[in-house]
Amino acid sequence: MRVHIPVQRRWGDQDALGHINNVSLLKLLEEARLRAFWRTGDDGDSPVAVFTDDMVSSGSAIATLVARQEIEYLLPVPYGRDPLDVQVWIGRLGGSSVEICYEVWGPDGTALYARATTVVVLVDTASGRPTRLPADIRAAWRPYIGDPISYRTR
């Protein structure tokens, strides 16, 4: 199952060729990831949102770090006023890591612009070492596990 996260393109995300710059696309993926996994406490939270502000402000013993990112660009992303449909799912749950998969679609669902993965590692803030994903997070994410992205070439 996938979570659909609408992400607005910004005028400043364009490059000289008139399409969304590759670095800006990483920022759009980051925005989708945060909206998908960070709980704000309102009714619009994603069903896979498991992290809260309390985990940061309370000096929680866990944090998330990006370990790896990969993007396959399929089409240039044009600027537009309507938000992109960034589809997010879990490609793999490891002991202390999660592979987050994305597909970036146009607003009307006819153009697939990019596929991407981000590997996020849960770490203990005191030691800086990876720590196991808690059972409640695994349970929340289990319904959203799908096939990992198979890239065209490596």
N, C-alpha and C. Protein backbone atom coordinates (compact mmCIF):
# COMPACT_ATOMS: atom_id res chain seq x y z
N MET A 1 0.84 -1.17 0.00
CA MET A 1 0.00 0.00 0.00
C MET A 1 0.90 1.25 0.00
N ARG A 2 0.48 2.26 -0.70
CA ARG A 2 1.24 3.50 -0.80
C ARG A 2 0.50 4.66 -0.14
N VAL A 3 1.28 5.62 0.33
CA VAL A 3 0.73 6.85 0.87
C VAL A 3 0.97 7.92 -0.19
N HIS A 4 -0.06 8.68 -0.51
CA HIS A 4 0.05 9.76 -1.49
C HIS A 4 0.24 11.08 -0.76
N ILE A 5 1.36 11.73 -1.04
CA ILE A 5 1.70 13.00 -0.40
C ILE A 5 1.76 14.09 -1.48
N PRO A 6 0.84 15.06 -1.44
CA PRO A 6 0.92 16.16 -2.41
C PRO A 6 2.04 17.12 -2.01
N VAL A 7 2.94 17.41 -2.95
CA VAL A 7 4.05 18.32 -2.67
C VAL A 7 4.06 19.41 -3.73
N GLN A 8 4.00 20.64 -3.27
CA GLN A 8 3.95 21.80 -4.15
C GLN A 8 5.33 22.11 -4.72
N ARG A 9 5.37 22.39 -6.00
CA ARG A 9 6.60 22.87 -6.63
C ARG A 9 6.71 24.37 -6.40
N ARG A 10 7.93 24.85 -6.26
CA ARG A 10 8.16 26.28 -6.07
C ARG A 10 8.85 26.85 -7.31
N TRP A 11 8.55 28.08 -7.63
CA TRP A 11 9.14 28.75 -8.78
C TRP A 11 10.68 28.69 -8.70
N GLY A 12 11.21 28.87 -7.51
CA GLY A 12 12.66 28.87 -7.33
C GLY A 12 13.31 27.50 -7.46
N ASP A 13 12.52 26.44 -7.60
CA ASP A 13 13.07 25.10 -7.77
C ASP A 13 13.54 24.85 -9.20
N GLN A 14 13.18 25.75 -10.12
CA GLN A 14 13.54 25.57 -11.53
C GLN A 14 15.00 25.91 -11.78
N ASP A 15 15.55 25.27 -12.80
CA ASP A 15 16.88 25.64 -13.23
C ASP A 15 16.79 26.43 -14.54
N ALA A 16 17.92 26.71 -15.15
CA ALA A 16 17.95 27.53 -16.36
C ALA A 16 17.22 26.87 -17.54
N LEU A 17 17.03 25.56 -17.47
CA LEU A 17 16.34 24.85 -18.54
C LEU A 17 14.83 24.81 -18.35
N GLY A 18 14.35 25.41 -17.27
CA GLY A 18 12.91 25.50 -17.05
C GLY A 18 12.27 24.28 -16.43
N HIS A 19 13.07 23.40 -15.84
CA HIS A 19 12.47 22.27 -15.11
C HIS A 19 13.06 22.21 -13.70
N ILE A 20 12.42 21.41 -12.87
CA ILE A 20 12.83 21.33 -11.46
C ILE A 20 14.24 20.74 -11.40
N ASN A 21 15.13 21.45 -10.73
CA ASN A 21 16.52 21.06 -10.59
C ASN A 21 16.65 19.76 -9.81
N ASN A 22 17.69 18.97 -10.10
CA ASN A 22 17.87 17.69 -9.43
C ASN A 22 18.03 17.85 -7.91
N VAL A 23 18.70 18.88 -7.45
CA VAL A 23 18.84 19.10 -6.01
C VAL A 23 17.49 19.46 -5.40
N SER A 24 16.71 20.25 -6.11
CA SER A 24 15.37 20.60 -5.62
C SER A 24 14.48 19.38 -5.53
N LEU A 25 14.67 18.42 -6.43
CA LEU A 25 13.87 17.20 -6.35
C LEU A 25 14.18 16.44 -5.06
N LEU A 26 15.43 16.43 -4.64
CA LEU A 26 15.77 15.82 -3.35
C LEU A 26 15.05 16.52 -2.20
N LYS A 27 14.93 17.83 -2.27
CA LYS A 27 14.21 18.58 -1.24
C LYS A 27 12.72 18.24 -1.26
N LEU A 28 12.15 18.04 -2.45
CA LEU A 28 10.74 17.64 -2.55
C LEU A 28 10.53 16.25 -1.95
N LEU A 29 11.48 15.35 -2.17
CA LEU A 29 11.39 14.02 -1.57
C LEU A 29 11.51 14.10 -0.05
N GLU A 30 12.40 14.96 0.43
CA GLU A 30 12.53 15.15 1.87
C GLU A 30 11.20 15.65 2.47
N GLU A 31 10.58 16.60 1.79
CA GLU A 31 9.29 17.13 2.26
C GLU A 31 8.24 16.01 2.32
N ALA A 32 8.19 15.19 1.29
CA ALA A 32 7.24 14.07 1.27
C ALA A 32 7.53 13.10 2.41
N ARG A 33 8.81 12.81 2.63
CA ARG A 33 9.19 11.87 3.69
C ARG A 33 8.77 12.40 5.06
N LEU A 34 9.01 13.68 5.30
CA LEU A 34 8.64 14.25 6.59
C LEU A 34 7.12 14.26 6.78
N ARG A 35 6.40 14.62 5.72
CA ARG A 35 4.94 14.62 5.82
C ARG A 35 4.39 13.21 6.02
N ALA A 36 5.06 12.23 5.45
CA ALA A 36 4.60 10.84 5.58
C ALA A 36 4.89 10.27 6.96
N PHE A 37 6.05 10.58 7.54
CA PHE A 37 6.50 9.88 8.74
C PHE A 37 6.50 10.71 10.02
N TRP A 38 6.26 12.03 9.91
CA TRP A 38 6.31 12.88 11.10
C TRP A 38 4.90 13.25 11.52
N ARG A 39 4.49 12.86 12.70
CA ARG A 39 3.15 13.11 13.22
C ARG A 39 3.06 14.53 13.76
N THR A 40 2.05 15.27 13.29
CA THR A 40 1.85 16.64 13.76
C THR A 40 0.73 16.74 14.78
N GLY A 41 -0.08 15.71 14.88
CA GLY A 41 -1.18 15.71 15.83
C GLY A 41 -2.49 16.21 15.26
N ASP A 42 -2.52 16.53 13.96
CA ASP A 42 -3.80 16.95 13.39
C ASP A 42 -4.41 15.81 12.57
N ASP A 43 -5.62 16.01 12.13
CA ASP A 43 -6.35 14.97 11.42
C ASP A 43 -5.75 14.62 10.06
N GLY A 44 -4.86 15.46 9.55
CA GLY A 44 -4.28 15.23 8.24
C GLY A 44 -3.01 14.39 8.26
N ASP A 45 -2.65 13.85 9.42
CA ASP A 45 -1.43 13.05 9.49
C ASP A 45 -1.52 11.81 8.62
N SER A 46 -0.40 11.45 8.05
CA SER A 46 -0.28 10.25 7.25
C SER A 46 -0.48 9.02 8.14
N PRO A 47 -1.01 7.93 7.59
CA PRO A 47 -1.19 6.72 8.40
C PRO A 47 0.12 6.06 8.80
N VAL A 48 1.24 6.42 8.18
CA VAL A 48 2.52 5.84 8.56
C VAL A 48 3.34 6.78 9.45
N ALA A 49 2.76 7.91 9.86
CA ALA A 49 3.47 8.87 10.71
C ALA A 49 3.72 8.26 12.08
N VAL A 50 4.98 8.13 12.45
CA VAL A 50 5.32 7.51 13.73
C VAL A 50 6.21 8.39 14.60
N PHE A 51 6.86 9.38 14.01
CA PHE A 51 7.76 10.24 14.77
C PHE A 51 7.02 11.50 15.19
N THR A 52 7.34 12.01 16.37
CA THR A 52 6.67 13.19 16.89
C THR A 52 7.69 14.24 17.33
N ASP A 53 7.22 15.47 17.49
CA ASP A 53 8.08 16.54 17.99
C ASP A 53 8.59 16.21 19.39
N ASP A 54 7.79 15.48 20.17
CA ASP A 54 8.20 15.10 21.53
C ASP A 54 9.49 14.29 21.52
N MET A 55 9.68 13.51 20.46
CA MET A 55 10.88 12.68 20.39
C MET A 55 12.13 13.54 20.30
N VAL A 56 12.00 14.74 19.75
CA VAL A 56 13.14 15.64 19.63
C VAL A 56 13.23 16.54 20.86
N SER A 57 12.12 17.18 21.22
CA SER A 57 12.15 18.17 22.30
C SER A 57 12.36 17.53 23.66
N SER A 58 11.99 16.26 23.82
CA SER A 58 12.15 15.62 25.13
C SER A 58 13.54 15.03 25.31
N GLY A 59 14.41 15.21 24.31
CA GLY A 59 15.74 14.63 24.42
C GLY A 59 15.68 13.12 24.26
N SER A 60 14.76 12.65 23.44
CA SER A 60 14.59 11.23 23.20
C SER A 60 15.92 10.58 22.86
N ALA A 61 15.99 9.32 23.12
CA ALA A 61 17.22 8.57 22.89
C ALA A 61 17.38 8.14 21.44
N ILE A 62 16.40 8.46 20.57
CA ILE A 62 16.53 8.02 19.18
C ILE A 62 16.41 9.19 18.21
N ALA A 63 17.07 9.03 17.08
CA ALA A 63 17.01 10.01 16.00
C ALA A 63 17.10 9.23 14.69
N THR A 64 16.79 9.90 13.59
CA THR A 64 16.89 9.27 12.28
C THR A 64 17.98 9.96 11.47
N LEU A 65 18.73 9.17 10.73
CA LEU A 65 19.77 9.70 9.86
C LEU A 65 19.62 9.09 8.47
N VAL A 66 19.81 9.90 7.45
CA VAL A 66 19.79 9.39 6.09
C VAL A 66 21.14 8.73 5.82
N ALA A 67 21.11 7.46 5.42
CA ALA A 67 22.33 6.71 5.15
C ALA A 67 22.64 6.66 3.65
N ARG A 68 21.58 6.67 2.82
CA ARG A 68 21.81 6.56 1.38
C ARG A 68 20.58 7.08 0.65
N GLN A 69 20.81 7.67 -0.53
CA GLN A 69 19.71 8.10 -1.40
C GLN A 69 20.07 7.77 -2.84
N GLU A 70 19.05 7.40 -3.60
CA GLU A 70 19.24 7.11 -5.01
C GLU A 70 18.01 7.58 -5.76
N ILE A 71 18.25 8.23 -6.91
CA ILE A 71 17.14 8.73 -7.73
C ILE A 71 17.38 8.30 -9.17
N GLU A 72 16.31 7.86 -9.79
CA GLU A 72 16.33 7.61 -11.22
C GLU A 72 15.39 8.61 -11.86
N TYR A 73 15.95 9.52 -12.66
CA TYR A 73 15.16 10.55 -13.33
C TYR A 73 14.61 9.97 -14.62
N LEU A 74 13.30 10.02 -14.78
CA LEU A 74 12.66 9.45 -15.96
C LEU A 74 12.23 10.52 -16.96
N LEU A 75 11.76 11.66 -16.46
CA LEU A 75 11.34 12.79 -17.28
C LEU A 75 11.68 14.08 -16.54
N PRO A 76 11.97 15.16 -17.26
CA PRO A 76 12.14 16.45 -16.58
C PRO A 76 10.83 16.85 -15.90
N VAL A 77 10.94 17.36 -14.68
CA VAL A 77 9.75 17.82 -13.94
C VAL A 77 9.51 19.28 -14.26
N PRO A 78 8.41 19.59 -14.94
CA PRO A 78 8.14 21.00 -15.26
C PRO A 78 7.60 21.73 -14.04
N TYR A 79 7.72 23.06 -14.08
CA TYR A 79 7.07 23.86 -13.05
C TYR A 79 5.57 23.82 -13.30
N GLY A 80 4.79 23.84 -12.25
CA GLY A 80 3.35 23.90 -12.36
C GLY A 80 2.76 24.31 -11.03
N ARG A 81 1.55 24.82 -11.07
CA ARG A 81 0.90 25.29 -9.84
C ARG A 81 0.30 24.15 -9.03
N ASP A 82 -0.08 23.07 -9.70
CA ASP A 82 -0.67 21.94 -8.98
C ASP A 82 0.43 21.09 -8.34
N PRO A 83 0.16 20.54 -7.15
CA PRO A 83 1.21 19.75 -6.48
C PRO A 83 1.48 18.43 -7.20
N LEU A 84 2.71 17.99 -7.05
CA LEU A 84 3.08 16.66 -7.52
C LEU A 84 2.47 15.62 -6.57
N ASP A 85 2.23 14.44 -7.07
CA ASP A 85 1.76 13.32 -6.25
C ASP A 85 2.97 12.44 -5.96
N VAL A 86 3.53 12.58 -4.76
CA VAL A 86 4.67 11.76 -4.37
C VAL A 86 4.11 10.56 -3.61
N GLN A 87 4.29 9.39 -4.20
CA GLN A 87 3.80 8.14 -3.60
C GLN A 87 4.94 7.53 -2.79
N VAL A 88 4.64 7.19 -1.55
CA VAL A 88 5.65 6.73 -0.60
C VAL A 88 5.24 5.37 -0.06
N TRP A 89 6.20 4.46 0.04
CA TRP A 89 5.97 3.16 0.67
C TRP A 89 7.30 2.64 1.23
N ILE A 90 7.23 1.56 1.97
CA ILE A 90 8.40 0.95 2.58
C ILE A 90 8.86 -0.19 1.66
N GLY A 91 10.11 -0.13 1.21
CA GLY A 91 10.64 -1.19 0.37
C GLY A 91 11.26 -2.32 1.17
N ARG A 92 11.79 -1.98 2.36
CA ARG A 92 12.43 -2.99 3.19
C ARG A 92 12.54 -2.46 4.61
N LEU A 93 12.23 -3.33 5.57
CA LEU A 93 12.46 -3.03 6.98
C LEU A 93 13.64 -3.85 7.44
N GLY A 94 14.69 -3.19 7.90
CA GLY A 94 15.84 -3.90 8.44
C GLY A 94 15.78 -3.89 9.95
N GLY A 95 16.87 -4.28 10.57
CA GLY A 95 16.92 -4.28 12.04
C GLY A 95 16.86 -2.88 12.61
N SER A 96 17.65 -1.98 12.02
CA SER A 96 17.68 -0.59 12.50
C SER A 96 17.43 0.40 11.36
N SER A 97 17.13 -0.11 10.18
CA SER A 97 16.97 0.77 9.04
C SER A 97 15.66 0.50 8.30
N VAL A 98 15.29 1.47 7.49
CA VAL A 98 14.11 1.34 6.65
C VAL A 98 14.45 1.92 5.29
N GLU A 99 14.03 1.20 4.24
CA GLU A 99 14.21 1.71 2.89
C GLU A 99 12.89 2.33 2.47
N ILE A 100 12.90 3.63 2.26
CA ILE A 100 11.71 4.37 1.86
C ILE A 100 11.75 4.53 0.34
N CYS A 101 10.67 4.15 -0.31
CA CYS A 101 10.58 4.23 -1.76
C CYS A 101 9.61 5.33 -2.16
N TYR A 102 9.91 5.95 -3.30
CA TYR A 102 9.08 7.04 -3.81
C TYR A 102 8.88 6.88 -5.31
N GLU A 103 7.73 7.32 -5.77
CA GLU A 103 7.51 7.61 -7.17
C GLU A 103 6.93 9.01 -7.23
N VAL A 104 7.47 9.83 -8.12
CA VAL A 104 7.03 11.22 -8.27
C VAL A 104 6.19 11.30 -9.54
N TRP A 105 4.90 11.55 -9.35
CA TRP A 105 3.93 11.61 -10.45
C TRP A 105 3.44 13.03 -10.65
N GLY A 106 3.05 13.34 -11.86
CA GLY A 106 2.40 14.60 -12.15
C GLY A 106 1.03 14.65 -11.50
N PRO A 107 0.46 15.83 -11.39
CA PRO A 107 -0.83 16.00 -10.71
C PRO A 107 -1.96 15.16 -11.31
N ASP A 108 -1.91 14.94 -12.62
CA ASP A 108 -2.99 14.19 -13.26
C ASP A 108 -2.71 12.69 -13.33
N GLY A 109 -1.55 12.26 -12.83
CA GLY A 109 -1.23 10.84 -12.77
C GLY A 109 -0.78 10.22 -14.08
N THR A 110 -0.52 11.03 -15.09
CA THR A 110 -0.13 10.46 -16.38
C THR A 110 1.38 10.44 -16.60
N ALA A 111 2.13 11.25 -15.87
CA ALA A 111 3.58 11.32 -16.07
C ALA A 111 4.30 10.88 -14.81
N LEU A 112 5.15 9.85 -14.95
CA LEU A 112 6.02 9.42 -13.86
C LEU A 112 7.38 10.08 -14.10
N TYR A 113 7.74 11.00 -13.21
CA TYR A 113 8.95 11.79 -13.39
C TYR A 113 10.20 11.13 -12.81
N ALA A 114 10.06 10.48 -11.66
CA ALA A 114 11.24 9.92 -11.01
C ALA A 114 10.85 8.82 -10.04
N ARG A 115 11.81 7.94 -9.80
CA ARG A 115 11.71 6.92 -8.75
C ARG A 115 12.91 7.14 -7.84
N ALA A 116 12.74 6.88 -6.55
CA ALA A 116 13.85 7.12 -5.63
C ALA A 116 13.73 6.24 -4.40
N THR A 117 14.86 6.07 -3.73
CA THR A 117 14.88 5.39 -2.44
C THR A 117 15.76 6.19 -1.49
N THR A 118 15.37 6.14 -0.24
CA THR A 118 16.17 6.71 0.84
C THR A 118 16.28 5.66 1.92
N VAL A 119 17.48 5.35 2.35
CA VAL A 119 17.67 4.45 3.48
C VAL A 119 17.87 5.33 4.71
N VAL A 120 16.99 5.14 5.70
CA VAL A 120 17.04 5.89 6.94
C VAL A 120 17.40 4.91 8.06
N VAL A 121 18.34 5.32 8.91
CA VAL A 121 18.79 4.49 10.02
C VAL A 121 18.36 5.15 11.32
N LEU A 122 17.82 4.34 12.22
CA LEU A 122 17.46 4.81 13.55
C LEU A 122 18.71 4.69 14.43
N VAL A 123 19.09 5.78 15.09
CA VAL A 123 20.30 5.76 15.91
C VAL A 123 20.00 6.19 17.34
N ASP A 124 20.81 5.68 18.24
CA ASP A 124 20.78 6.08 19.65
C ASP A 124 21.57 7.38 19.74
N THR A 125 20.93 8.45 20.23
CA THR A 125 21.60 9.75 20.25
C THR A 125 22.77 9.80 21.22
N ALA A 126 22.74 8.99 22.27
CA ALA A 126 23.84 9.00 23.24
C ALA A 126 25.11 8.37 22.67
N SER A 127 24.94 7.25 21.99
CA SER A 127 26.11 6.52 21.47
C SER A 127 26.41 6.85 20.01
N GLY A 128 25.40 7.33 19.28
CA GLY A 128 25.57 7.56 17.85
C GLY A 128 25.53 6.28 17.04
N ARG A 129 25.18 5.17 17.66
CA ARG A 129 25.16 3.87 17.00
C ARG A 129 23.73 3.50 16.60
N PRO A 130 23.59 2.68 15.56
CA PRO A 130 22.26 2.22 15.16
C PRO A 130 21.55 1.50 16.30
N THR A 131 20.24 1.66 16.34
CA THR A 131 19.42 0.98 17.35
C THR A 131 18.24 0.32 16.65
N ARG A 132 17.71 -0.72 17.24
CA ARG A 132 16.64 -1.50 16.61
C ARG A 132 15.37 -0.68 16.47
N LEU A 133 14.67 -0.92 15.35
CA LEU A 133 13.36 -0.30 15.17
C LEU A 133 12.40 -0.87 16.21
N PRO A 134 11.72 -0.01 16.97
CA PRO A 134 10.78 -0.49 17.98
C PRO A 134 9.60 -1.26 17.36
N ALA A 135 9.02 -2.15 18.13
CA ALA A 135 7.92 -3.00 17.65
C ALA A 135 6.73 -2.16 17.19
N ASP A 136 6.43 -1.05 17.88
CA ASP A 136 5.27 -0.25 17.48
C ASP A 136 5.48 0.42 16.12
N ILE A 137 6.70 0.83 15.83
CA ILE A 137 7.00 1.42 14.52
C ILE A 137 6.91 0.35 13.44
N ARG A 138 7.47 -0.83 13.70
CA ARG A 138 7.36 -1.94 12.74
C ARG A 138 5.90 -2.26 12.44
N ALA A 139 5.09 -2.30 13.48
CA ALA A 139 3.67 -2.63 13.30
C ALA A 139 2.96 -1.56 12.46
N ALA A 140 3.29 -0.29 12.69
CA ALA A 140 2.66 0.80 11.93
C ALA A 140 3.07 0.75 10.47
N TRP A 141 4.29 0.34 10.19
CA TRP A 141 4.81 0.35 8.82
C TRP A 141 4.51 -0.92 8.04
N ARG A 142 4.27 -2.03 8.73
CA ARG A 142 4.10 -3.31 8.05
C ARG A 142 3.08 -3.29 6.90
N PRO A 143 1.90 -2.65 7.06
CA PRO A 143 0.94 -2.64 5.94
C PRO A 143 1.41 -1.86 4.72
N TYR A 144 2.47 -1.07 4.87
CA TYR A 144 2.94 -0.22 3.78
C TYR A 144 4.21 -0.77 3.12
N ILE A 145 4.54 -2.01 3.43
CA ILE A 145 5.68 -2.64 2.78
C ILE A 145 5.25 -3.11 1.40
N GLY A 146 6.03 -2.74 0.41
CA GLY A 146 5.78 -3.15 -0.96
C GLY A 146 7.10 -3.53 -1.63
N ASP A 147 7.03 -3.81 -2.89
CA ASP A 147 8.24 -4.16 -3.63
C ASP A 147 9.20 -2.98 -3.65
N PRO A 148 10.49 -3.24 -3.38
CA PRO A 148 11.46 -2.16 -3.52
C PRO A 148 11.58 -1.76 -4.98
N ILE A 149 12.14 -0.60 -5.20
CA ILE A 149 12.29 -0.10 -6.58
C ILE A 149 13.36 -0.90 -7.28
N SER A 150 13.06 -1.30 -8.48
CA SER A 150 14.02 -1.97 -9.35
C SER A 150 14.46 -0.94 -10.40
N TYR A 151 15.69 -0.47 -10.24
CA TYR A 151 16.19 0.56 -11.14
C TYR A 151 16.58 -0.06 -12.49
N ARG A 152 16.51 0.75 -13.53
CA ARG A 152 16.81 0.26 -14.88
C ARG A 152 18.25 -0.22 -15.02
N THR A 153 19.19 0.56 -14.53
CA THR A 153 20.61 0.18 -14.62
C THR A 153 21.30 0.51 -13.31
N ARG A 154 22.36 -0.17 -13.07
CA ARG A 154 23.15 0.10 -11.87
C ARG A 154 24.59 0.10 -12.25
